[in-house]
Protein backbone atom coordinates (compact mmCIF):
# COMPACT_ATOMS: atom_id res chain seq x y z
CA MET A 1 6.33 -21.03 13.59
CA LYS A 2 9.15 -19.65 11.41
CA SER A 3 12.18 -17.83 12.76
CA PHE A 4 15.57 -16.85 11.36
CA ASP A 5 18.91 -15.31 12.23
CA PRO A 6 18.87 -11.71 10.95
CA SER A 7 22.66 -11.65 10.58
CA ALA A 8 22.42 -14.51 8.07
CA ILE A 9 20.30 -12.55 5.58
CA ALA A 10 22.43 -11.22 2.74
CA VAL A 11 21.20 -8.33 0.59
CA ARG A 12 22.30 -6.88 -2.75
CA THR A 13 22.96 -3.15 -2.52
CA ALA A 14 22.50 -2.28 -6.17
CA HIS A 15 20.03 -1.23 -8.82
CA PHE A 16 18.45 -3.76 -11.20
CA ILE A 17 18.38 -2.45 -14.76
CA GLY A 18 18.19 -4.27 -18.04
CA GLY A 19 17.91 -7.66 -16.39
CA GLU A 20 21.05 -7.41 -14.28
CA TYR A 21 22.42 -5.79 -11.16
CA LEU A 22 24.13 -2.45 -11.60
CA GLU A 23 26.50 -1.13 -8.95
CA VAL A 24 27.55 2.51 -9.19
CA GLN A 25 29.72 4.75 -7.09
CA GLY A 26 28.13 7.68 -5.34
CA PRO A 27 26.11 8.74 -2.30
CA THR A 28 24.55 6.06 -0.11
CA LEU A 29 21.95 5.87 2.63
CA ASP A 30 22.22 3.76 5.77
CA VAL A 31 19.43 1.17 5.97
CA ALA A 32 18.51 0.10 9.50
CA ARG A 33 16.49 -2.86 10.74
CA PRO A 34 13.36 -1.56 12.50
CA SER A 35 13.42 -4.45 14.96
CA ASP A 36 16.74 -3.54 16.57
CA GLY A 37 17.87 -0.29 14.96
CA ARG A 38 20.99 -1.90 13.54
CA VAL A 39 22.34 -0.54 10.24
CA TYR A 40 22.78 -3.54 7.98
CA ALA A 41 23.30 -2.08 4.52
CA ALA A 42 24.30 1.02 2.56
CA LEU A 43 21.83 1.84 -0.19
CA PRO A 44 22.95 3.59 -3.37
CA VAL A 45 21.03 6.75 -4.22
CA GLY A 46 20.18 6.83 -7.89
CA ASP A 47 20.60 10.33 -9.30
CA ALA A 48 18.84 11.83 -12.30
CA SER A 49 21.42 10.32 -14.67
CA LEU A 50 20.94 6.82 -13.25
CA VAL A 51 17.15 7.16 -13.38
CA SER A 52 17.34 8.35 -16.98
CA HIS A 53 19.46 5.32 -17.84
CA ALA A 54 16.87 3.01 -16.26
CA VAL A 55 13.90 4.67 -17.97
CA GLU A 56 15.58 4.77 -21.37
CA ASN A 57 16.55 1.12 -20.97
CA ALA A 58 12.94 0.28 -20.10
CA TRP A 59 11.68 2.24 -23.09
CA ARG A 60 14.03 0.44 -25.48
CA ALA A 61 13.14 -2.94 -24.00
CA TRP A 62 9.45 -2.14 -24.28
CA ARG A 63 9.82 -1.19 -27.95
CA LYS A 64 12.12 -4.03 -29.02
CA SER A 65 11.17 -7.00 -26.83
CA GLY A 66 7.64 -7.38 -28.14
CA TRP A 67 6.25 -7.40 -24.60
CA ALA A 68 3.39 -5.10 -25.55
CA THR A 69 2.67 -6.72 -28.90
CA MET A 70 2.98 -10.42 -28.07
CA ALA A 71 -0.17 -12.51 -27.92
CA PRO A 72 -1.86 -11.44 -24.67
CA ARG A 73 -2.23 -15.07 -23.64
CA ASP A 74 1.53 -15.54 -23.91
CA ARG A 75 2.10 -12.50 -21.71
CA ALA A 76 -0.36 -13.94 -19.20
CA ARG A 77 1.47 -17.27 -19.25
CA ILE A 78 4.76 -15.57 -18.34
CA LEU A 79 3.11 -13.65 -15.51
CA ARG A 80 1.51 -16.80 -14.13
CA ARG A 81 4.94 -18.40 -14.12
CA PHE A 82 6.23 -15.29 -12.31
CA ALA A 83 3.52 -15.75 -9.68
CA ASP A 84 4.40 -19.42 -9.26
CA LEU A 85 8.06 -18.55 -8.74
CA ILE A 86 7.16 -15.97 -6.08
CA ALA A 87 5.05 -18.50 -4.18
CA ALA A 88 7.79 -21.13 -4.40
CA ASP A 89 10.42 -18.66 -3.18
CA ALA A 90 8.82 -18.01 0.21
CA ALA A 91 11.82 -19.42 2.09
CA THR A 92 13.94 -16.62 0.59
CA LEU A 93 11.39 -13.83 0.23
CA ALA A 94 9.74 -14.01 3.67
CA PRO A 95 12.93 -13.57 5.76
CA LEU A 96 14.20 -10.96 3.30
CA GLU A 97 10.94 -9.05 3.71
CA ALA A 98 10.91 -9.41 7.48
CA VAL A 99 14.50 -8.56 8.30
CA GLY A 100 14.39 -4.97 7.09
CA SER A 101 10.72 -4.10 7.46
CA THR A 102 7.99 -4.12 10.08
CA ARG A 103 6.47 -7.34 8.73
CA PRO A 104 6.76 -10.28 11.18
CA VAL A 105 8.20 -13.34 9.47
CA ARG A 106 5.16 -15.33 10.54
CA ASP A 107 2.93 -12.96 8.58
CA ALA A 108 5.34 -12.73 5.65
CA PHE A 109 5.11 -16.50 5.15
CA ALA A 110 1.37 -16.73 5.77
CA TRP A 111 0.17 -13.60 3.98
CA ASP A 112 2.65 -11.25 2.29
CA VAL A 113 4.30 -13.74 -0.05
CA PRO A 114 1.13 -15.67 -1.02
CA PHE A 115 -0.82 -12.42 -1.44
CA THR A 116 1.92 -11.00 -3.67
CA ALA A 117 1.94 -14.10 -5.85
CA GLU A 118 -1.84 -14.22 -6.10
CA GLY A 119 -1.98 -10.53 -7.04
CA ILE A 120 0.36 -11.10 -9.99
CA ARG A 121 -1.67 -14.17 -10.97
CA PHE A 122 -4.91 -12.18 -10.79
CA TYR A 123 -3.66 -9.51 -13.19
CA ALA A 124 -2.18 -12.05 -15.56
CA GLU A 125 -5.74 -13.13 -16.30
CA PHE A 126 -6.67 -9.61 -17.43
CA ALA A 127 -4.12 -9.63 -20.24
CA ASP A 128 -6.52 -11.07 -22.82
CA LYS A 129 -9.79 -9.90 -21.30
CA ILE A 130 -9.81 -6.14 -21.99
CA GLY A 131 -8.89 -4.78 -25.40
CA GLY A 132 -11.34 -2.05 -26.32
CA GLN A 133 -14.77 -2.39 -27.88
CA VAL A 134 -16.86 -1.67 -30.94
CA ALA A 135 -18.99 1.43 -30.53
CA ALA A 136 -22.63 1.84 -31.52
CA THR A 137 -22.59 3.95 -34.69
CA ASP A 138 -24.71 4.21 -37.83
CA HIS A 139 -24.19 1.66 -40.64
CA ALA A 140 -21.99 3.99 -42.62
CA HIS A 141 -19.33 4.02 -39.94
CA LEU A 142 -17.37 1.57 -37.81
CA GLY A 143 -16.41 3.05 -34.47
CA MET A 144 -14.15 1.35 -31.96
CA THR A 145 -11.79 1.94 -29.08
CA ILE A 146 -8.39 0.25 -28.91
CA ALA A 147 -6.61 -0.30 -25.59
CA GLU A 148 -2.86 0.39 -25.63
CA PRO A 149 -0.20 0.46 -22.90
CA TYR A 150 1.46 3.73 -21.93
CA GLY A 151 4.98 2.44 -22.44
CA VAL A 152 6.95 2.98 -19.24
CA VAL A 153 5.16 3.17 -15.88
CA GLY A 154 7.01 4.81 -13.00
CA ALA A 155 6.05 3.10 -9.73
CA ILE A 156 6.90 4.20 -6.19
CA ALA A 157 6.10 1.74 -3.41
CA PRO A 158 5.89 2.44 0.35
CA TRP A 159 7.71 0.80 3.25
CA ASN A 160 4.83 -0.65 5.24
CA PHE A 161 4.09 -3.69 3.00
CA PRO A 162 7.03 -3.70 0.57
CA LEU A 163 6.27 -6.87 -1.41
CA VAL A 164 2.50 -6.51 -1.51
CA MET A 165 2.52 -2.85 -2.47
CA ALA A 166 5.10 -3.50 -5.19
CA SER A 167 2.84 -6.20 -6.64
CA TRP A 168 -0.09 -3.76 -6.72
CA LYS A 169 2.03 -1.56 -8.98
CA ILE A 170 3.83 -4.03 -11.22
CA GLY A 171 1.04 -6.59 -11.65
CA PRO A 172 -1.48 -4.51 -13.62
CA ALA A 173 1.23 -2.50 -15.39
CA LEU A 174 3.03 -5.57 -16.74
CA ALA A 175 -0.19 -7.39 -17.59
CA ALA A 176 -1.34 -4.39 -19.64
CA GLY A 177 1.87 -4.57 -21.67
CA ASN A 178 3.89 -1.79 -20.06
CA ALA A 179 7.48 -1.74 -18.87
CA VAL A 180 8.02 -0.74 -15.24
CA VAL A 181 10.66 1.22 -13.37
CA LEU A 182 10.02 0.64 -9.67
CA LYS A 183 11.48 2.69 -6.84
CA PRO A 184 10.93 0.89 -3.53
CA SER A 185 11.14 2.81 -0.29
CA GLU A 186 14.70 3.52 0.79
CA MET A 187 13.72 2.10 4.19
CA THR A 188 12.70 -1.32 2.80
CA PRO A 189 14.45 -1.65 -0.56
CA PHE A 190 15.66 -5.22 -0.93
CA SER A 191 12.75 -7.61 -1.44
CA ALA A 192 11.84 -5.75 -4.65
CA LEU A 193 15.19 -6.77 -6.13
CA ARG A 194 14.34 -10.42 -5.59
CA LEU A 195 11.03 -9.85 -7.39
CA ALA A 196 12.95 -8.45 -10.36
CA GLU A 197 15.21 -11.50 -10.46
CA LEU A 198 12.22 -13.83 -10.42
CA ALA A 199 10.52 -11.86 -13.19
CA ILE A 200 13.51 -12.44 -15.48
CA GLU A 201 13.55 -16.13 -14.56
CA ALA A 202 9.85 -16.34 -15.46
CA GLY A 203 10.47 -14.94 -18.93
CA VAL A 204 9.73 -11.22 -18.58
CA PRO A 205 12.15 -9.66 -21.10
CA ALA A 206 15.24 -8.00 -19.65
CA GLY A 207 14.61 -4.30 -19.16
CA VAL A 208 10.83 -4.59 -18.90
CA PHE A 209 10.95 -4.65 -15.08
CA ASN A 210 13.64 -2.50 -13.44
CA VAL A 211 14.35 -1.37 -9.88
CA VAL A 212 16.09 1.89 -9.02
CA GLN A 213 17.19 2.57 -5.48
CA GLY A 214 17.28 5.87 -3.66
CA ASP A 215 15.25 8.45 -1.80
CA GLY A 216 12.17 10.37 -2.82
CA ARG A 217 13.73 13.78 -3.12
CA THR A 218 16.39 12.69 -5.63
CA THR A 219 15.48 9.36 -7.20
CA GLY A 220 11.70 9.49 -6.93
CA ASP A 221 11.49 13.04 -8.23
CA ALA A 222 13.69 12.22 -11.23
CA LEU A 223 11.51 9.20 -12.00
CA VAL A 224 8.16 10.99 -12.02
CA ARG A 225 9.56 13.89 -14.04
CA HIS A 226 11.22 11.82 -16.76
CA PRO A 227 9.60 12.55 -20.14
CA LEU A 228 9.55 8.87 -21.18
CA VAL A 229 7.52 7.86 -18.11
CA GLY A 230 3.96 7.77 -19.39
CA LYS A 231 2.12 7.10 -16.15
CA VAL A 232 2.97 7.25 -12.41
CA THR A 233 1.61 5.18 -9.56
CA PHE A 234 2.39 5.94 -5.90
CA THR A 235 1.33 4.84 -2.44
CA GLY A 236 2.38 6.93 0.53
CA SER A 237 1.74 10.16 2.37
CA THR A 238 -0.73 12.80 1.25
CA GLN A 239 1.98 15.46 1.21
CA THR A 240 4.26 13.44 -1.06
CA GLY A 241 1.34 12.45 -3.28
CA ALA A 242 0.46 16.10 -3.83
CA ALA A 243 4.07 16.87 -4.76
CA ILE A 244 4.10 13.98 -7.25
CA MET A 245 0.83 15.13 -8.80
CA ALA A 246 2.23 18.65 -9.20
CA ALA A 247 5.45 17.31 -10.74
CA CYS A 248 3.46 15.21 -13.23
CA ALA A 249 1.38 18.24 -14.18
CA HIS A 250 4.51 20.27 -14.86
CA CYS A 251 6.24 17.53 -16.85
CA GLY A 252 3.73 16.40 -19.42
CA THR A 253 0.39 16.21 -17.58
CA LYS A 254 0.89 12.45 -17.23
CA PRO A 255 -1.78 10.47 -15.38
CA VAL A 256 -1.28 9.36 -11.80
CA THR A 257 -2.71 6.80 -9.42
CA LEU A 258 -2.29 7.89 -5.80
CA GLU A 259 -3.26 5.94 -2.69
CA LEU A 260 -2.54 8.33 0.15
CA GLY A 261 -3.23 8.89 3.84
CA GLY A 262 -6.24 7.91 5.86
CA LYS A 263 -7.95 8.51 9.18
CA SER A 264 -10.61 5.86 8.91
CA PRO A 265 -13.61 5.63 11.27
CA GLN A 266 -15.11 2.44 12.69
CA ILE A 267 -18.73 3.09 13.57
CA VAL A 268 -20.25 0.65 16.06
CA PHE A 269 -23.97 0.65 16.85
CA ALA A 270 -25.52 -0.94 19.92
CA ASP A 271 -27.13 -3.62 17.75
CA ALA A 272 -23.78 -4.78 16.34
CA PRO A 273 -23.69 -8.59 16.39
CA ARG A 274 -21.33 -10.34 18.85
CA LEU A 275 -19.52 -7.58 20.73
CA ASP A 276 -16.53 -9.83 21.42
CA ASP A 277 -16.03 -10.28 17.68
CA VAL A 278 -16.34 -6.55 17.08
CA ALA A 279 -13.70 -5.90 19.72
CA GLN A 280 -11.31 -8.35 18.07
CA ARG A 281 -11.94 -6.75 14.70
CA ILE A 282 -11.30 -3.21 15.93
CA ALA A 283 -8.20 -4.20 17.91
CA ALA A 284 -6.72 -5.93 14.87
CA ALA A 285 -7.49 -2.98 12.59
CA ILE A 286 -5.31 -0.66 14.68
CA THR A 287 -2.54 -3.06 15.75
CA ILE A 288 -1.79 -5.09 12.60
CA ASN A 289 1.65 -3.98 11.49
CA ALA A 290 1.61 -1.77 14.60
CA GLY A 291 -1.01 0.45 12.98
CA GLN A 292 1.29 1.26 10.07
CA VAL A 293 -1.45 0.69 7.51
CA CYS A 294 -3.07 3.31 5.27
CA VAL A 295 -6.56 1.97 6.00
CA ALA A 296 -5.97 1.45 9.75
CA GLY A 297 -9.25 1.83 11.64
CA SER A 298 -7.88 4.55 13.88
CA ARG A 299 -11.11 6.30 14.96
CA LEU A 300 -13.63 4.32 17.00
CA LEU A 301 -17.09 5.89 17.00
CA VAL A 302 -19.35 3.89 19.29
CA GLU A 303 -22.94 4.26 20.43
CA ARG A 304 -22.84 5.57 23.98
CA SER A 305 -24.80 2.70 25.58
CA ILE A 306 -22.16 0.10 24.67
CA ALA A 307 -19.04 2.26 24.72
CA GLU A 308 -17.63 1.08 28.05
CA PRO A 309 -18.03 -2.68 27.56
CA LEU A 310 -16.65 -2.49 24.02
CA VAL A 311 -13.63 -0.37 24.89
CA GLU A 312 -12.94 -2.56 27.90
CA ARG A 313 -12.77 -5.61 25.62
CA ILE A 314 -10.48 -3.82 23.14
CA GLU A 315 -8.18 -2.71 25.93
CA GLN A 316 -7.87 -6.24 27.25
CA ILE A 317 -6.89 -7.49 23.78
CA VAL A 318 -4.26 -4.87 23.01
CA ARG A 319 -2.69 -5.09 26.45
CA GLY A 320 -2.00 -8.76 25.71
CA LEU A 321 0.13 -8.10 22.63
CA LYS A 322 3.85 -8.80 22.85
CA ALA A 323 6.33 -6.47 21.17
CA GLY A 324 9.26 -8.16 19.50
CA ALA A 325 11.56 -8.41 16.52
CA THR A 326 10.14 -9.49 13.18
CA TRP A 327 12.28 -12.64 13.30
CA GLN A 328 10.77 -13.74 16.62
CA PRO A 329 7.80 -16.00 15.86
CA ASP A 330 6.03 -15.35 19.18
CA ALA A 331 5.98 -11.54 18.81
CA THR A 332 2.50 -10.13 18.16
CA LEU A 333 3.27 -6.38 17.99
CA ALA A 334 5.52 -5.23 15.16
CA PRO A 335 8.16 -2.53 15.50
CA ILE A 336 7.69 1.02 14.34
CA VAL A 337 9.66 1.56 11.15
CA SER A 338 12.12 4.02 12.72
CA GLY A 339 12.90 5.93 15.88
CA LYS A 340 11.92 9.14 14.12
CA GLN A 341 8.47 7.77 13.34
CA ALA A 342 8.04 6.54 16.93
CA GLU A 343 8.87 10.05 18.16
CA ARG A 344 6.28 11.49 15.80
CA ILE A 345 3.62 9.10 17.10
CA ASP A 346 4.43 10.01 20.67
CA ALA A 347 4.40 13.74 19.90
CA ILE A 348 0.86 13.55 18.49
CA VAL A 349 -0.31 11.51 21.48
CA ARG A 350 1.29 13.99 23.92
CA SER A 351 -0.25 16.94 22.11
CA SER A 352 -3.70 15.36 22.39
CA LEU A 353 -3.25 14.68 26.09
CA GLU A 354 -2.22 18.29 26.64
CA GLU A 355 -5.44 19.32 24.87
CA GLY A 356 -7.47 17.41 27.45
CA ALA A 357 -7.64 13.87 26.09
CA ARG A 358 -7.14 10.90 28.42
CA ALA A 359 -5.04 7.82 27.67
CA ARG A 360 -6.77 4.64 28.75
CA CYS A 361 -3.68 2.54 28.01
CA GLY A 362 -0.34 2.86 26.25
CA ALA A 363 0.81 6.38 25.36
CA ALA A 364 4.45 5.35 25.69
CA ARG A 365 7.26 3.62 23.85
CA VAL A 366 7.96 0.01 24.72
CA SER A 367 11.42 -1.13 25.75
CA VAL A 368 12.64 -4.17 23.82
CA GLU A 369 16.16 -5.57 23.66
CA GLY A 370 18.21 -3.64 21.11
CA ASP A 371 17.55 -0.18 19.74
CA GLY A 372 14.38 -0.93 17.83
CA ALA A 373 11.41 1.42 18.01
CA TYR A 374 8.20 0.02 19.54
CA TYR A 375 5.07 1.82 20.67
CA ALA A 376 2.49 0.46 23.08
CA PRO A 377 -1.05 0.07 21.73
CA THR A 378 -2.81 3.22 22.86
CA ILE A 379 -6.48 4.04 23.45
CA ILE A 380 -7.31 7.73 23.82
CA GLU A 381 -10.67 8.93 25.15
CA ASN A 382 -12.20 12.36 25.73
CA VAL A 383 -11.23 13.63 22.29
CA THR A 384 -13.02 15.88 19.82
CA ASN A 385 -12.72 16.23 16.07
CA GLU A 386 -10.24 19.04 16.74
CA SER A 387 -7.85 16.86 18.76
CA ALA A 388 -4.48 16.21 17.12
CA ALA A 389 -4.94 12.45 17.43
CA VAL A 390 -8.23 12.69 15.52
CA ARG A 391 -7.11 15.17 12.87
CA GLN A 392 -3.70 13.75 11.96
CA GLU A 393 -2.76 10.42 10.42
CA ILE A 394 -0.60 8.90 13.15
CA PHE A 395 0.48 5.68 11.39
CA GLY A 396 0.90 3.85 14.65
CA PRO A 397 -1.14 1.72 17.09
CA VAL A 398 -3.23 4.60 18.42
CA LEU A 399 -7.04 4.39 18.62
CA THR A 400 -9.22 7.36 19.51
CA VAL A 401 -12.69 6.87 21.01
CA GLN A 402 -15.75 9.08 20.53
CA THR A 403 -19.36 8.33 21.42
CA PHE A 404 -22.65 9.18 19.72
CA ASP A 405 -26.36 8.87 20.41
CA ASP A 406 -27.91 8.66 16.95
CA GLU A 407 -27.12 8.20 13.26
CA GLU A 408 -26.88 11.89 12.51
CA GLU A 409 -24.26 12.41 15.20
CA ALA A 410 -22.35 9.32 14.07
CA LEU A 411 -22.14 10.63 10.50
CA ALA A 412 -21.01 14.04 11.68
CA LEU A 413 -18.21 12.49 13.73
CA ALA A 414 -17.21 10.17 10.89
CA SER A 415 -16.68 13.00 8.43
CA HIS A 416 -13.07 14.11 8.24
CA ALA A 417 -11.95 17.39 6.72
CA ASP A 418 -9.02 15.84 4.83
CA TYR A 419 -9.27 12.08 4.57
CA GLY A 420 -11.70 9.59 3.04
CA LEU A 421 -9.82 6.34 2.49
CA ALA A 422 -11.91 3.71 4.30
CA ALA A 423 -14.60 3.21 6.94
CA GLY A 424 -16.21 0.40 8.88
CA VAL A 425 -19.84 0.07 9.94
CA HIS A 426 -20.89 -2.51 12.53
CA THR A 427 -24.64 -3.09 12.85
CA SER A 428 -27.25 -5.80 12.39
CA ASN A 429 -29.64 -3.30 10.77
CA LEU A 430 -29.34 -3.74 7.01
CA GLY A 431 -31.14 -0.49 6.22
CA ARG A 432 -28.81 1.47 8.47
CA ALA A 433 -25.78 -0.22 6.96
CA LEU A 434 -26.87 0.75 3.45
CA ARG A 435 -27.64 4.32 4.52
CA PHE A 436 -24.10 4.66 5.87
CA VAL A 437 -22.54 2.99 2.84
CA ARG A 438 -24.10 5.74 0.73
CA ALA A 439 -23.51 8.61 3.13
CA LEU A 440 -19.89 8.01 4.14
CA GLU A 441 -17.27 9.86 2.10
CA ALA A 442 -14.81 7.01 1.79
CA GLY A 443 -13.40 5.01 -1.09
CA THR A 444 -13.99 1.72 0.74
CA VAL A 445 -16.71 0.90 3.28
CA TRP A 446 -16.67 -2.42 5.15
CA VAL A 447 -19.79 -3.66 6.91
CA ASN A 448 -19.43 -6.02 9.88
CA ARG A 449 -15.78 -6.58 8.97
CA TYR A 450 -12.67 -4.45 8.63
CA GLY A 451 -9.94 -5.08 6.08
CA ARG A 452 -9.46 -6.62 2.69
CA THR A 453 -9.92 -10.22 1.62
CA ASN A 454 -8.18 -11.98 -1.25
CA ASP A 455 -10.90 -10.73 -3.58
CA PHE A 456 -8.58 -8.74 -5.80
CA ILE A 457 -11.51 -7.72 -7.98
CA VAL A 458 -12.63 -5.19 -5.33
CA PRO A 459 -10.66 -1.97 -5.93
CA THR A 460 -9.19 0.28 -3.27
CA GLY A 461 -8.60 4.02 -3.27
CA GLY A 462 -9.64 7.16 -1.47
CA TYR A 463 -11.80 10.25 -1.56
CA LYS A 464 -10.66 13.78 -0.70
CA ARG A 465 -6.93 13.98 0.09
CA SER A 466 -6.71 10.21 0.44
CA GLY A 467 -5.89 9.86 -3.21
CA ILE A 468 -7.02 9.62 -6.79
CA GLY A 469 -7.60 6.53 -8.91
CA LYS A 470 -7.71 2.91 -7.77
CA ASP A 471 -5.39 0.06 -6.94
CA LEU A 472 -6.65 -3.51 -7.34
CA GLY A 473 -9.72 -4.47 -9.33
CA LYS A 474 -10.39 -4.03 -13.02
CA GLU A 475 -9.94 -0.30 -12.43
CA ALA A 476 -6.20 -0.70 -11.69
CA TYR A 477 -5.68 -2.68 -14.90
CA GLU A 478 -7.55 -0.15 -17.02
CA ALA A 479 -5.56 2.68 -15.41
CA ASN A 480 -2.46 1.22 -17.06
CA LEU A 481 -4.02 1.48 -20.50
CA ARG A 482 -4.82 4.42 -22.73
CA PHE A 483 -7.76 4.14 -25.09
CA LYS A 484 -7.60 5.23 -28.71
CA SER A 485 -10.81 6.07 -30.57
CA VAL A 486 -11.13 4.93 -34.19
CA LEU A 487 -13.87 5.86 -36.67
CA ILE A 488 -13.92 4.32 -40.15
CA ASP A 489 -16.22 5.21 -43.03
CA THR A 490 -17.50 1.93 -44.49
CA ILE A 491 -19.07 3.57 -47.52
CA VAL A 492 -16.55 5.31 -49.78
């Protein structure tokens, strides 16, 4: 198991523009470690002038470096080298990721860093695979579509998986020939800077990948509104996503990719194979990263006849988790990103209990040495679709339980007024599984599993207020291209 001394991790509190660090005077934000609440850095807040400098630099680099016009195979070769450097840098990246985020160092080594590298590698292979096509026209005409990059892509990444989410943004954008200005979350800003350094080392031209630091209200808003930003990609809350979409509409009707909130159901039928495995799957889906996952399986819908034995198994699993700092290799329950977020989780739980729900376990903060924020895995029963814990995205380790007697009732419970990001179906009946795959209003449906694999070709994205567009897959690559139609008369 890996462990490290958090006080030994040094961070650069600067922007990364034009291939080098840029330190500027001005307002800063305190950045605290979620594991112990300790402020360990002061983050510069990039204002509109700084953002404009970064975007203009990216635009010039995109135009002059030849990144978009070089042989696609050469661009792919650079990105593969970038991926190799990320994988080889795990000893630096994993502790850097863990110290200031909710990602346990054990998981950062085993999953976050390799997944980030493999995501870049995956999109590198698209660089020379998609380039438009010849259209079917009559013999007097030659019709075709040509794929072209937008120019500068503005990317805003969330705090829950800083490295991985950044790679989802920069991988397809760079592979498609764009320049990128990335704003990481102000709560987890530093691992993105190391990615930018490695990109330059790999051969990405200076200025093609930039990082601006700051908050959403100032820095993020200036980025999405800048006239030279041709496309915006964002992962985060539904409320912020709506504001970004409105800003893009007012400032050039630029396209957006938004992966937003979720309140995803896990539907378990009595014929689900191996109840112990199902329990493990459901427990993991709500406690990985302490439930701070957009696709967290936060609503358990279970056939009444097996509800008690299944929930009993889940309870036993989650009660055995150990809260601890991300640098402690034996910890199995991550911290909540901030005290404010832990208070929000608790407020939603308390509101549901006041409405008549019953907490089977948890429903309280966990005391751990230091001032970190931890919340006990919580199972809430006796809820309805009107309960606060069912309606609202909690973004914490809180699982609600509802029972059903037939398929019709299960589908009715699964439907959510606002969200449609993901869903899980657990059954041995293939026909039923396919019926639910078609009927569920969700961008991703997992059957007899819950969560992604390393199959990057499968896209992710939501229905309803859970977002628009797709990350991952061919769809994410194509979203970073614009297609020009050409029609030529061959007889003149």
